[in-house]
């Protein structure tokens, strides 16, 4: 196309009067017309310019129209340019057939009827303009796709950096917090007087509240980055709801609030899903209900919405007589880092993430969550979840193993406070343990005198937990008579990729700081169970 950006039409005829006649017929079109008086000149022009249409005479000296078109069709640039033959040779259909077979799109006999030529030219001009617009759109799409690719790469990098930052911050915060919570729990069992017990309880409670905030932030990050994973296991609904009730009952009693739960008899007793995440959502809603209810009651109601052969839809309702929510507050209720009023976080505390996390979790489980509330009249939060029915009437109870007294335990930990917490926690359970200051020392101590269970911190100087574990597994592989030890990662990192890295390195389990006594007992029991069953590591 020329600088005028108009479509170009090439007219090829050896007679000037014919060129002028054709140009006059097309005078009304907003186009640029280019002349050629021979086939050779036409070929040269087609190599320099882009034409919307070529009007080509058949009878010309040196090279006729058929020969010219054949050469045009052999070149990539002109292979698909539409060509209309205009010729006085039309006594026989053979000429027209030959023109079409050569690659022309039409054949117009002379003398040319102006309306016929204009009509046909208009069709090809419209097609050309549409192609130009389509090419323009494709170029825009290519640019947009490139920009999207760049934006995607930047977003992925930002997510990666954020995940690394959160993992590092989680480790840095959880490590000292493990010491605070661990020591406070040990003090609670050390025969303190009443005043000391109250002060220790405050320390423990504050640490646990801080841990809830950290977990909220990490959960929100996992959901954002798509790292959240759901289990699909059988669980007893009543047991799960009862656990929520037992955990929050004392909080309700402290405020003088009536707290109860009811489960409709039609609700299946055993279901399949992720009980941990359902428990998390329910805990959040009930905790909020108690927090924002100064007096009255909080009630959990579980009902059956509908039931099918292999699944059921369950309705979870949390009803309170609390402060209620304004219409404006409902608009921001499930948004992250938001509370219904700016003064809420100062008066009641919290990150403003709990409901946002709950909503995301419900949505990811193909459910729905909402609220019914009037300001000053209480609220009802509810969520519906589709859950599979379990064919298991009752979950299999895990067999508890009594650990032998002479079990050898090694703690690989470089933080002095966490060493003390860990060692004292094991001592309260009746077990002695040895300390390794880093991964290298843990490896050397284990090879010299094998341990039954190793608690391996992931971040240590000289040799970290992953490297030390890989070396131990390699040694076990090369020395078939060397006993296989149970290795549990003990780390402040809690992202999915961290857990996967531990398993890939050959670890058996994963223990997040700060851990509870129950968590520790579970690891010890599983460690002995695996050892008792002759566990062998899969090195493939």
Protein backbone atom coordinates (compact mmCIF):
# COMPACT_ATOMS: atom_id res chain seq x y z
CA UNK A 1 0.00 0.00 0.00
CA UNK A 2 1.14 3.56 -0.68
CA UNK A 3 1.69 6.31 1.88
CA UNK A 4 -1.93 7.37 1.26
CA UNK A 5 -2.87 4.02 2.81
CA UNK A 6 -5.42 3.41 0.03
CA UNK A 7 -5.85 -0.01 -1.60
CA UNK A 8 -3.89 -0.33 -4.85
CA UNK A 9 -5.23 -1.89 -8.05
CA UNK A 10 -2.87 -2.85 -10.87
CA UNK A 11 -4.31 -2.53 -14.42
CA UNK A 12 -2.29 -4.28 -17.13
CA UNK A 13 -2.97 -3.58 -20.81
CA UNK A 14 -0.68 -2.81 -23.75
CA UNK A 15 -3.09 -0.14 -25.12
CA UNK A 16 -3.19 3.26 -23.37
CA UNK A 17 -6.82 3.88 -24.34
CA UNK A 18 -7.86 0.66 -22.62
CA UNK A 19 -6.00 1.71 -19.46
CA UNK A 20 -7.68 5.10 -19.46
CA UNK A 21 -11.09 3.51 -20.06
CA UNK A 22 -10.72 1.09 -17.16
CA UNK A 23 -9.45 3.85 -14.86
CA UNK A 24 -12.46 6.02 -15.67
CA UNK A 25 -14.85 3.17 -14.79
CA UNK A 26 -13.17 2.83 -11.39
CA UNK A 27 -12.88 6.56 -10.78
CA UNK A 28 -15.51 6.53 -7.96
CA UNK A 29 -13.51 4.11 -5.79
CA UNK A 30 -11.19 5.45 -3.10
CA UNK A 31 -8.16 3.62 -4.48
CA UNK A 32 -4.76 4.17 -6.06
CA UNK A 33 -4.49 2.80 -9.61
CA UNK A 34 -1.13 1.65 -10.97
CA UNK A 35 -0.58 1.12 -14.74
CA UNK A 36 1.47 -1.54 -16.52
CA UNK A 37 1.70 -1.88 -20.30
CA UNK A 38 3.25 -5.35 -20.38
CA UNK A 39 3.41 -8.59 -18.47
CA UNK A 40 7.05 -8.04 -17.55
CA UNK A 41 6.36 -4.56 -16.18
CA UNK A 42 3.41 -5.99 -14.21
CA UNK A 43 5.63 -8.66 -12.61
CA UNK A 44 8.18 -6.05 -11.54
CA UNK A 45 5.46 -3.88 -9.98
CA UNK A 46 3.97 -6.81 -8.06
CA UNK A 47 7.36 -7.44 -6.45
CA UNK A 48 7.54 -3.84 -5.17
CA UNK A 49 3.93 -3.17 -4.18
CA UNK A 50 1.05 -4.92 -2.46
CA UNK A 51 -2.04 -4.94 -4.67
CA UNK A 52 -5.60 -5.54 -3.62
CA UNK A 53 -6.52 -6.66 -7.16
CA UNK A 54 -4.94 -7.08 -10.60
CA UNK A 55 -6.99 -6.45 -13.79
CA UNK A 56 -5.06 -8.23 -16.51
CA UNK A 57 -5.45 -8.19 -20.31
CA UNK A 58 -4.97 -11.52 -22.09
CA UNK A 59 -3.64 -10.42 -25.49
CA UNK A 60 -0.32 -8.62 -25.06
CA UNK A 61 2.98 -8.75 -27.00
CA UNK A 62 6.02 -10.69 -25.70
CA UNK A 63 4.14 -12.20 -22.72
CA UNK A 64 0.38 -12.74 -22.70
CA UNK A 65 -1.90 -12.58 -19.67
CA UNK A 66 -1.91 -16.35 -19.07
CA UNK A 67 1.89 -16.50 -18.95
CA UNK A 68 2.04 -13.45 -16.71
CA UNK A 69 -0.41 -14.98 -14.24
CA UNK A 70 1.40 -18.32 -14.23
CA UNK A 71 4.61 -16.55 -13.15
CA UNK A 72 2.71 -14.57 -10.53
CA UNK A 73 1.34 -17.75 -9.01
CA UNK A 74 4.86 -19.19 -8.73
CA UNK A 75 5.95 -16.37 -6.42
CA UNK A 76 5.05 -16.41 -2.76
CA UNK A 77 4.19 -12.70 -2.60
CA UNK A 78 1.72 -12.84 -5.51
CA UNK A 79 0.47 -16.41 -5.11
CA UNK A 80 -2.90 -15.39 -3.72
CA UNK A 81 -3.43 -11.90 -5.23
CA UNK A 82 -6.87 -11.92 -6.95
CA UNK A 83 -6.65 -11.46 -10.73
CA UNK A 84 -9.51 -10.62 -13.12
CA UNK A 85 -8.91 -11.22 -16.83
CA UNK A 86 -10.35 -8.56 -19.13
CA UNK A 87 -10.17 -9.57 -22.79
CA UNK A 88 -11.90 -9.49 -26.16
CA UNK A 89 -11.07 -13.17 -26.60
CA UNK A 90 -14.25 -14.73 -25.35
CA UNK A 91 -15.73 -16.39 -28.41
CA UNK A 92 -15.07 -19.75 -26.86
CA UNK A 93 -15.53 -20.92 -23.28
CA UNK A 94 -12.09 -22.48 -23.59
CA UNK A 95 -10.45 -19.09 -23.06
CA UNK A 96 -12.48 -18.46 -19.94
CA UNK A 97 -11.76 -21.99 -18.60
CA UNK A 98 -8.05 -21.54 -19.31
CA UNK A 99 -8.08 -18.23 -17.44
CA UNK A 100 -9.70 -19.78 -14.38
CA UNK A 101 -7.38 -22.81 -14.52
CA UNK A 102 -4.38 -20.49 -14.66
CA UNK A 103 -5.48 -18.91 -11.39
CA UNK A 104 -7.80 -16.00 -12.23
CA UNK A 105 -10.82 -15.32 -10.06
CA UNK A 106 -12.96 -14.04 -12.92
CA UNK A 107 -13.06 -13.34 -16.68
CA UNK A 108 -14.78 -10.20 -18.04
CA UNK A 109 -15.21 -9.87 -21.80
CA UNK A 110 -14.60 -6.64 -23.73
CA UNK A 111 -16.24 -4.26 -24.30
CA UNK A 112 -16.47 -3.97 -20.54
CA UNK A 113 -19.84 -3.23 -18.97
CA UNK A 114 -18.98 -0.59 -16.30
CA UNK A 115 -21.50 -1.76 -13.68
CA UNK A 116 -20.29 -5.36 -13.98
CA UNK A 117 -16.65 -4.35 -13.50
CA UNK A 118 -17.45 -2.00 -10.62
CA UNK A 119 -19.55 -4.67 -8.88
CA UNK A 120 -16.82 -7.27 -9.11
CA UNK A 121 -14.06 -4.85 -8.10
CA UNK A 122 -16.12 -3.79 -5.08
CA UNK A 123 -16.35 -7.41 -3.89
CA UNK A 124 -12.57 -7.89 -3.97
CA UNK A 125 -11.91 -4.49 -2.42
CA UNK A 126 -14.22 -5.42 0.46
CA UNK A 127 -12.42 -8.73 0.87
CA UNK A 128 -9.05 -6.97 0.80
CA UNK A 129 -10.11 -4.40 3.39
CA UNK A 130 -11.40 -7.17 5.64
CA UNK A 131 -8.09 -9.01 5.29
CA UNK A 132 -6.18 -5.85 6.13
CA UNK A 133 -8.32 -5.34 9.22
CA UNK A 134 -7.84 -8.99 10.17
CA UNK A 135 -4.06 -8.70 9.74
CA UNK A 136 -4.13 -5.58 11.88
CA UNK A 137 -6.11 -7.41 14.58
CA UNK A 138 -3.71 -10.36 14.41
CA UNK A 139 -0.75 -8.03 14.86
CA UNK A 140 -2.51 -6.40 17.80
CA UNK A 141 -3.20 -9.85 19.25
CA UNK A 142 0.46 -10.80 18.83
CA UNK A 143 1.50 -7.65 20.67
CA UNK A 144 -1.16 -8.27 23.32
CA UNK A 145 -0.06 -11.90 23.69
CA UNK A 146 3.55 -10.80 24.03
CA UNK A 147 2.55 -8.25 26.66
CA UNK A 148 0.48 -10.92 28.43
CA UNK A 149 3.44 -13.29 28.34
CA UNK A 150 5.70 -10.62 29.82
CA UNK A 151 3.07 -9.76 32.43
CA UNK A 152 2.61 -13.48 33.23
CA UNK A 153 6.36 -13.94 33.65
CA UNK A 154 6.52 -10.88 35.89
CA UNK A 155 3.53 -12.13 37.93
CA UNK A 156 5.11 -15.59 38.28
CA UNK A 157 8.38 -14.03 39.36
CA UNK A 158 6.54 -11.79 41.83
CA UNK A 159 4.69 -14.85 43.18
CA UNK A 160 7.96 -16.75 43.48
CA UNK A 161 9.65 -13.86 45.29
CA UNK A 162 6.63 -13.44 47.55
CA UNK A 163 6.57 -17.15 48.34
CA UNK A 164 10.28 -17.06 49.18
CA UNK A 165 9.74 -13.99 51.33
CA UNK A 166 6.82 -15.57 53.16
CA UNK A 167 8.75 -18.81 53.65
CA UNK A 168 11.74 -16.95 55.06
CA UNK A 169 9.59 -14.70 57.23
CA UNK A 170 7.62 -17.71 58.41
CA UNK A 171 10.87 -19.39 59.43
CA UNK A 172 12.23 -16.29 61.13
CA UNK A 173 9.01 -15.69 63.09
CA UNK A 174 8.14 -19.30 63.88
CA UNK A 175 11.60 -20.17 65.19
CA UNK A 176 11.54 -17.76 68.18
CA UNK A 177 7.80 -18.29 68.56
CA UNK A 178 8.45 -21.99 68.95
CA UNK A 179 10.65 -21.11 71.91
CA UNK A 180 8.03 -18.81 73.46
CA UNK A 181 5.13 -21.27 73.11
CA UNK A 182 7.24 -24.33 73.90
CA UNK A 183 8.72 -22.89 77.10
CA UNK A 184 5.33 -21.54 78.24
CA UNK A 185 3.78 -25.01 77.79
CA UNK A 186 6.59 -26.58 79.76
CA UNK A 187 6.18 -24.00 82.52
CA UNK A 188 2.44 -24.71 82.70
CA UNK A 189 3.30 -28.27 83.75
CA UNK A 190 6.04 -27.34 86.24
CA UNK A 191 3.98 -26.78 89.41
CA UNK A 192 3.67 -22.98 89.34
CA UNK A 193 1.68 -21.02 91.88
CA UNK A 194 -1.61 -19.43 90.79
CA UNK A 195 -0.16 -16.04 89.86
CA UNK A 196 2.71 -17.58 87.90
CA UNK A 197 0.27 -19.92 86.17
CA UNK A 198 -1.89 -16.95 85.09
CA UNK A 199 1.13 -15.10 83.70
CA UNK A 200 2.32 -18.21 81.87
CA UNK A 201 -1.16 -18.72 80.43
CA UNK A 202 -1.08 -15.15 79.09
CA UNK A 203 2.28 -15.81 77.40
CA UNK A 204 1.01 -19.05 75.85
CA UNK A 205 -2.26 -17.49 74.71
CA UNK A 206 -0.47 -14.49 73.17
CA UNK A 207 1.90 -16.81 71.31
CA UNK A 208 -0.98 -18.91 70.01
CA UNK A 209 -2.85 -15.79 68.85
CA UNK A 210 0.24 -14.64 67.00
CA UNK A 211 0.50 -18.06 65.39
CA UNK A 212 -3.10 -17.80 64.18
CA UNK A 213 -2.26 -14.50 62.46
CA UNK A 214 0.81 -16.04 60.80
CA UNK A 215 -1.22 -19.05 59.64
CA UNK A 216 -3.92 -16.76 58.19
CA UNK A 217 -1.34 -14.86 56.15
CA UNK A 218 0.30 -18.06 54.91
CA UNK A 219 -3.04 -19.65 54.05
CA UNK A 220 -4.05 -16.57 52.08
CA UNK A 221 -0.75 -16.66 50.21
CA UNK A 222 -1.17 -20.38 49.41
CA UNK A 223 -4.66 -19.76 48.00
CA UNK A 224 -3.41 -16.81 45.93
CA UNK A 225 -0.53 -18.82 44.43
CA UNK A 226 -2.65 -21.95 43.84
CA UNK A 227 -0.68 -24.08 46.29
CA UNK A 228 -3.66 -25.08 48.41
CA UNK A 229 -4.36 -28.80 48.30
CA UNK A 230 -7.44 -30.66 49.52
CA UNK A 231 -7.74 -34.14 50.98
CA UNK A 232 -10.58 -36.49 50.17
CA UNK A 233 -10.84 -38.79 53.18
CA UNK A 234 -13.60 -40.26 55.30
CA UNK A 235 -14.47 -38.38 58.49
CA UNK A 236 -17.19 -38.37 61.12
CA UNK A 237 -19.09 -35.12 60.92
CA UNK A 238 -20.25 -35.19 64.54
CA UNK A 239 -16.72 -35.76 65.79
CA UNK A 240 -15.43 -32.79 63.79
CA UNK A 241 -18.22 -30.45 64.97
CA UNK A 242 -17.80 -31.65 68.55
CA UNK A 243 -14.09 -30.80 68.39
CA UNK A 244 -14.95 -27.25 67.32
CA UNK A 245 -17.42 -27.06 70.19
CA UNK A 246 -14.90 -28.32 72.77
CA UNK A 247 -12.14 -25.99 71.57
CA UNK A 248 -14.30 -22.83 71.70
CA UNK A 249 -16.63 -23.70 74.58
CA UNK A 250 -14.40 -22.11 77.22
CA UNK A 251 -14.11 -18.92 75.21
CA UNK A 252 -17.93 -18.69 75.12
CA UNK A 253 -18.16 -19.49 78.84
CA UNK A 254 -15.70 -16.69 79.66
CA UNK A 255 -18.12 -14.22 78.04
CA UNK A 256 -21.21 -15.83 79.57
CA UNK A 257 -22.58 -16.83 76.16
CA UNK A 258 -24.70 -19.93 75.60
CA UNK A 259 -22.98 -22.15 73.05
CA UNK A 260 -24.46 -25.29 71.48
CA UNK A 261 -24.67 -27.33 68.30
CA UNK A 262 -27.28 -29.54 66.64
CA UNK A 263 -26.90 -31.96 63.73
CA UNK A 264 -30.01 -32.97 61.82
CA UNK A 265 -30.61 -36.73 62.02
CA UNK A 266 -30.87 -36.95 58.21
CA UNK A 267 -27.25 -35.81 57.77
CA UNK A 268 -24.96 -38.79 56.93
CA UNK A 269 -22.71 -39.55 59.87
CA UNK A 270 -19.63 -40.33 57.75
CA UNK A 271 -18.66 -38.23 54.73
CA UNK A 272 -15.70 -37.83 52.38
CA UNK A 273 -13.89 -34.53 52.01
CA UNK A 274 -11.23 -32.43 53.71
CA UNK A 275 -12.16 -32.35 57.41
CA UNK A 276 -9.19 -30.10 58.26
CA UNK A 277 -10.34 -27.35 55.88
CA UNK A 278 -14.02 -27.70 56.82
CA UNK A 279 -12.98 -27.52 60.46
CA UNK A 280 -10.93 -24.38 59.66
CA UNK A 281 -13.93 -22.66 58.05
CA UNK A 282 -16.29 -23.63 60.86
CA UNK A 283 -13.76 -22.59 63.54
CA UNK A 284 -13.38 -19.21 61.88
CA UNK A 285 -17.11 -18.55 61.69
CA UNK A 286 -17.78 -19.71 65.26
CA UNK A 287 -14.79 -17.81 66.62
CA UNK A 288 -16.06 -14.63 64.92
CA UNK A 289 -19.57 -15.24 66.24
CA UNK A 290 -18.30 -15.53 69.83
CA UNK A 291 -15.98 -12.55 69.36
CA UNK A 292 -18.77 -10.26 68.12
CA UNK A 293 -21.47 -11.47 70.55
CA UNK A 294 -21.32 -9.58 73.86
CA UNK A 295 -24.27 -11.50 75.31
CA UNK A 296 -26.88 -14.04 74.26
CA UNK A 297 -25.98 -17.21 72.37
CA UNK A 298 -24.08 -18.79 69.52
CA UNK A 299 -25.40 -21.93 67.85
CA UNK A 300 -24.05 -24.30 65.19
CA UNK A 301 -26.68 -26.08 63.07
CA UNK A 302 -25.85 -28.76 60.51
CA UNK A 303 -28.59 -29.67 58.04
CA UNK A 304 -29.07 -31.77 54.92
CA UNK A 305 -29.90 -29.71 51.81
CA UNK A 306 -30.30 -32.58 49.34
CA UNK A 307 -29.05 -36.12 48.96
CA UNK A 308 -28.06 -38.27 46.01
CA UNK A 309 -26.88 -41.85 45.64
CA UNK A 310 -23.19 -41.08 46.15
CA UNK A 311 -23.16 -37.54 47.53
CA UNK A 312 -24.95 -35.08 49.76
CA UNK A 313 -25.07 -31.31 50.08
CA UNK A 314 -24.59 -30.19 53.66
CA UNK A 315 -25.58 -26.81 55.11
CA UNK A 316 -23.44 -25.43 57.94
CA UNK A 317 -25.06 -22.54 59.87
CA UNK A 318 -23.51 -20.41 62.61
CA UNK A 319 -26.14 -18.21 64.29
CA UNK A 320 -25.42 -15.55 66.89
CA UNK A 321 -27.22 -12.74 68.75
CA UNK A 322 -24.27 -10.38 68.38
CA UNK A 323 -23.72 -6.87 67.06
CA UNK A 324 -24.82 -7.70 63.51
CA UNK A 325 -23.53 -6.20 60.26
CA UNK A 326 -24.61 -3.08 58.38
CA UNK A 327 -25.45 -3.16 54.67
CA UNK A 328 -22.22 -1.29 53.95
CA UNK A 329 -20.30 -3.81 56.03
CA UNK A 330 -21.68 -6.73 54.04
CA UNK A 331 -20.12 -5.29 50.88
CA UNK A 332 -16.58 -5.71 52.23
CA UNK A 333 -17.19 -8.65 54.56
CA UNK A 334 -15.43 -11.36 52.54
CA UNK A 335 -12.65 -9.15 51.18
CA UNK A 336 -9.10 -9.64 52.34
CA UNK A 337 -7.57 -7.36 54.98
CA UNK A 338 -10.96 -5.73 55.53
CA UNK A 339 -13.29 -5.59 58.50
CA UNK A 340 -16.76 -4.14 58.43
CA UNK A 341 -15.74 -1.04 60.38
CA UNK A 342 -12.34 0.60 60.71
CA UNK A 343 -12.57 0.41 64.49
CA UNK A 344 -13.18 -3.36 64.51
CA UNK A 345 -9.52 -4.35 64.33
CA UNK A 346 -8.67 -2.06 67.23
CA UNK A 347 -11.54 -3.24 69.41
CA UNK A 348 -11.73 -6.94 68.52
CA UNK A 349 -8.36 -7.69 66.86
CA UNK A 350 -7.72 -9.94 63.89
CA UNK A 351 -6.13 -9.67 60.45
CA UNK A 352 -9.30 -9.28 58.40
CA UNK A 353 -8.25 -12.41 56.49
CA UNK A 354 -10.34 -15.13 58.14
CA UNK A 355 -13.54 -14.65 56.15
CA UNK A 356 -11.66 -14.08 52.89
CA UNK A 357 -9.80 -17.36 53.42
CA UNK A 358 -13.04 -19.13 54.35
CA UNK A 359 -14.79 -17.86 51.22
CA UNK A 360 -11.89 -18.97 49.02
CA UNK A 361 -11.78 -22.40 50.63
CA UNK A 362 -15.54 -22.88 50.20
CA UNK A 363 -15.36 -21.78 46.56
CA UNK A 364 -12.44 -24.13 45.86
CA UNK A 365 -14.53 -26.99 47.29
CA UNK A 366 -17.37 -26.05 44.89
CA UNK A 367 -19.54 -24.66 47.69
CA UNK A 368 -21.07 -21.29 48.52
CA UNK A 369 -20.89 -19.04 51.57
CA UNK A 370 -22.95 -16.02 52.62
CA UNK A 371 -24.42 -14.13 55.54
CA UNK A 372 -27.82 -12.94 56.74
CA UNK A 373 -27.56 -10.11 59.22
CA UNK A 374 -29.22 -6.98 60.59
CA UNK A 375 -27.21 -4.42 62.49
CA UNK A 376 -27.78 -4.83 66.22
CA UNK A 377 -29.83 -8.05 65.76
CA UNK A 378 -27.22 -10.74 65.24
CA UNK A 379 -25.95 -12.66 62.23
CA UNK A 380 -26.20 -16.01 60.52
CA UNK A 381 -23.21 -17.16 58.51
CA UNK A 382 -23.82 -20.22 56.40
CA UNK A 383 -22.02 -22.29 53.82
CA UNK A 384 -23.13 -25.24 51.70
CA UNK A 385 -20.71 -27.96 50.61
CA UNK A 386 -21.18 -30.91 48.24
CA UNK A 387 -19.57 -33.92 49.93
CA UNK A 388 -19.30 -37.54 48.88
CA UNK A 389 -20.84 -40.21 51.02
CA UNK A 390 -18.43 -42.60 52.65
CA UNK A 391 -18.84 -46.35 52.31
CA UNK A 392 -16.95 -46.72 55.56
CA UNK A 393 -19.36 -46.91 58.48
CA UNK A 394 -16.75 -45.84 60.96
CA UNK A 395 -13.19 -44.65 60.44
CA UNK A 396 -10.53 -47.14 61.28
CA UNK A 397 -8.95 -46.27 64.59
CA UNK A 398 -5.18 -45.90 64.41
CA UNK A 399 -3.28 -48.48 66.36
CA UNK A 400 -1.30 -46.83 69.14
CA UNK A 401 2.22 -48.06 69.60
CA UNK A 402 3.92 -48.07 72.97
CA UNK A 403 7.42 -46.75 72.41
CA UNK A 404 10.27 -48.73 73.96
CA UNK A 405 12.19 -47.01 76.73
CA UNK A 406 15.55 -47.42 75.02
CA UNK A 407 14.57 -45.73 71.76
CA UNK A 408 17.41 -43.49 70.53
CA UNK A 409 16.39 -40.00 69.41
CA UNK A 410 18.59 -37.36 67.75
CA UNK A 411 17.64 -33.68 67.46
CA UNK A 412 19.46 -31.79 64.68
CA UNK A 413 18.86 -28.11 65.55
CA UNK A 414 21.21 -25.11 65.61
CA UNK A 415 18.98 -22.77 67.64
CA UNK A 416 19.84 -23.07 71.34
CA UNK A 417 16.35 -22.15 72.58
CA UNK A 418 14.67 -24.66 70.28
CA UNK A 419 17.18 -27.30 71.34
CA UNK A 420 16.14 -26.79 74.95
CA UNK A 421 12.41 -26.76 74.15
CA UNK A 422 12.69 -29.92 72.09
CA UNK A 423 14.84 -31.78 74.61
CA UNK A 424 12.58 -30.83 77.56
CA UNK A 425 9.43 -31.74 75.60
CA UNK A 426 10.81 -35.22 74.92
CA UNK A 427 11.97 -35.57 78.51
CA UNK A 428 8.44 -34.84 79.78
CA UNK A 429 7.27 -37.73 77.61
CA UNK A 430 9.93 -39.94 79.19
CA UNK A 431 12.59 -39.98 76.47
CA UNK A 432 16.19 -38.83 76.42
CA UNK A 433 17.69 -37.33 73.29
CA UNK A 434 21.01 -36.13 71.86
CA UNK A 435 21.67 -32.81 70.13
CA UNK A 436 23.48 -32.19 66.84
CA UNK A 437 24.37 -28.56 66.12
CA UNK A 438 24.12 -28.91 62.33
CA UNK A 439 23.49 -31.37 59.53
CA UNK A 440 27.13 -32.45 59.26
CA UNK A 441 27.27 -33.31 62.95
CA UNK A 442 23.91 -35.12 62.72
CA UNK A 443 25.21 -37.25 59.85
CA UNK A 444 28.47 -38.10 61.63
CA UNK A 445 26.71 -38.95 64.92
CA UNK A 446 24.16 -41.17 63.19
CA UNK A 447 26.72 -43.06 61.11
CA UNK A 448 28.88 -43.63 64.19
CA UNK A 449 26.02 -44.89 66.38
CA UNK A 450 22.66 -45.16 64.57
CA UNK A 451 19.52 -43.46 65.94
CA UNK A 452 15.96 -44.78 65.70
CA UNK A 453 14.37 -41.37 65.06
CA UNK A 454 15.99 -38.14 63.86
CA UNK A 455 14.25 -34.77 64.12
CA UNK A 456 15.97 -32.77 61.40
CA UNK A 457 15.77 -28.99 61.14
CA UNK A 458 15.81 -27.81 57.51
CA UNK A 459 17.92 -24.65 57.88
CA UNK A 460 21.27 -25.27 59.59
CA UNK A 461 24.87 -24.12 59.01
CA UNK A 462 27.50 -26.24 57.22
CA UNK A 463 24.92 -28.79 56.06
CA UNK A 464 21.17 -28.20 56.03
CA UNK A 465 18.53 -30.81 56.85
CA UNK A 466 17.79 -31.71 53.23
CA UNK A 467 21.45 -32.34 52.39
CA UNK A 468 22.05 -34.28 55.61
CA UNK A 469 19.00 -36.49 54.93
CA UNK A 470 20.09 -37.15 51.33
CA UNK A 471 23.54 -38.19 52.59
CA UNK A 472 22.03 -40.51 55.21
CA UNK A 473 19.75 -42.15 52.63
CA UNK A 474 22.67 -42.56 50.24
CA UNK A 475 24.73 -44.19 52.98
CA UNK A 476 21.84 -46.54 53.80
CA UNK A 477 21.54 -47.43 50.13
CA UNK A 478 25.24 -48.28 49.85
CA UNK A 479 25.33 -50.18 53.17
CA UNK A 480 22.38 -52.58 53.09
CA UNK A 481 22.99 -53.85 56.64
CA UNK A 482 22.91 -50.36 58.12
CA UNK A 483 19.57 -49.72 59.91
CA UNK A 484 17.10 -47.42 58.21
CA UNK A 485 16.17 -44.51 60.44
CA UNK A 486 12.94 -42.52 60.61
CA UNK A 487 13.60 -38.84 59.77
CA UNK A 488 11.08 -36.08 60.47
CA UNK A 489 11.66 -32.55 59.20
CA UNK A 490 11.25 -29.95 61.93
CA UNK A 491 10.96 -26.54 60.34
CA UNK A 492 9.34 -23.16 60.54
CA UNK A 493 8.59 -23.32 56.82
CA UNK A 494 5.08 -24.56 56.06
CA UNK A 495 4.55 -24.07 52.32
CA UNK A 496 3.61 -27.04 50.12
CA UNK A 497 6.86 -26.88 48.17
CA UNK A 498 8.83 -27.14 51.43
CA UNK A 499 6.96 -30.32 52.38
CA UNK A 500 7.55 -31.75 48.91
CA UNK A 501 11.28 -30.98 49.16
CA UNK A 502 11.45 -32.84 52.46
CA UNK A 503 9.75 -35.94 51.03
CA UNK A 504 11.92 -35.81 47.89
CA UNK A 505 15.05 -35.72 50.06
CA UNK A 506 13.95 -38.92 51.79
CA UNK A 507 12.27 -37.64 54.92
CA UNK A 508 9.32 -39.54 56.34
CA UNK A 509 7.27 -36.75 57.86
CA UNK A 510 7.00 -33.02 58.41
CA UNK A 511 6.61 -31.17 61.72
CA UNK A 512 5.93 -27.42 61.66
CA UNK A 513 7.15 -25.11 64.40
CA UNK A 514 5.72 -24.40 66.86
CA UNK A 515 4.49 -27.95 67.43
CA UNK A 516 2.20 -29.27 70.14
CA UNK A 517 2.77 -32.23 72.43
CA UNK A 518 0.18 -34.15 70.40
CA UNK A 519 2.12 -33.46 67.18
CA UNK A 520 5.30 -34.73 68.80
CA UNK A 521 3.61 -37.88 70.13
CA UNK A 522 2.14 -38.60 66.68
CA UNK A 523 5.59 -38.39 65.08
CA UNK A 524 7.12 -40.67 67.74
CA UNK A 525 4.32 -43.21 67.34
CA UNK A 526 4.54 -43.21 63.56
CA UNK A 527 8.33 -43.44 63.72
CA UNK A 528 8.20 -46.56 65.86
CA UNK A 529 5.32 -48.00 63.81
CA UNK A 530 7.32 -47.62 60.60
CA UNK A 531 10.43 -49.06 62.23
CA UNK A 532 8.47 -51.96 63.74
CA UNK A 533 7.01 -52.80 60.32
CA UNK A 534 10.46 -53.01 58.74
CA UNK A 535 10.16 -49.82 56.73
CA UNK A 536 12.56 -49.52 53.80
CA UNK A 537 13.20 -46.29 51.95
CA UNK A 538 12.34 -46.18 48.25
CA UNK A 539 15.53 -44.92 46.62
CA UNK A 540 14.24 -44.87 43.07
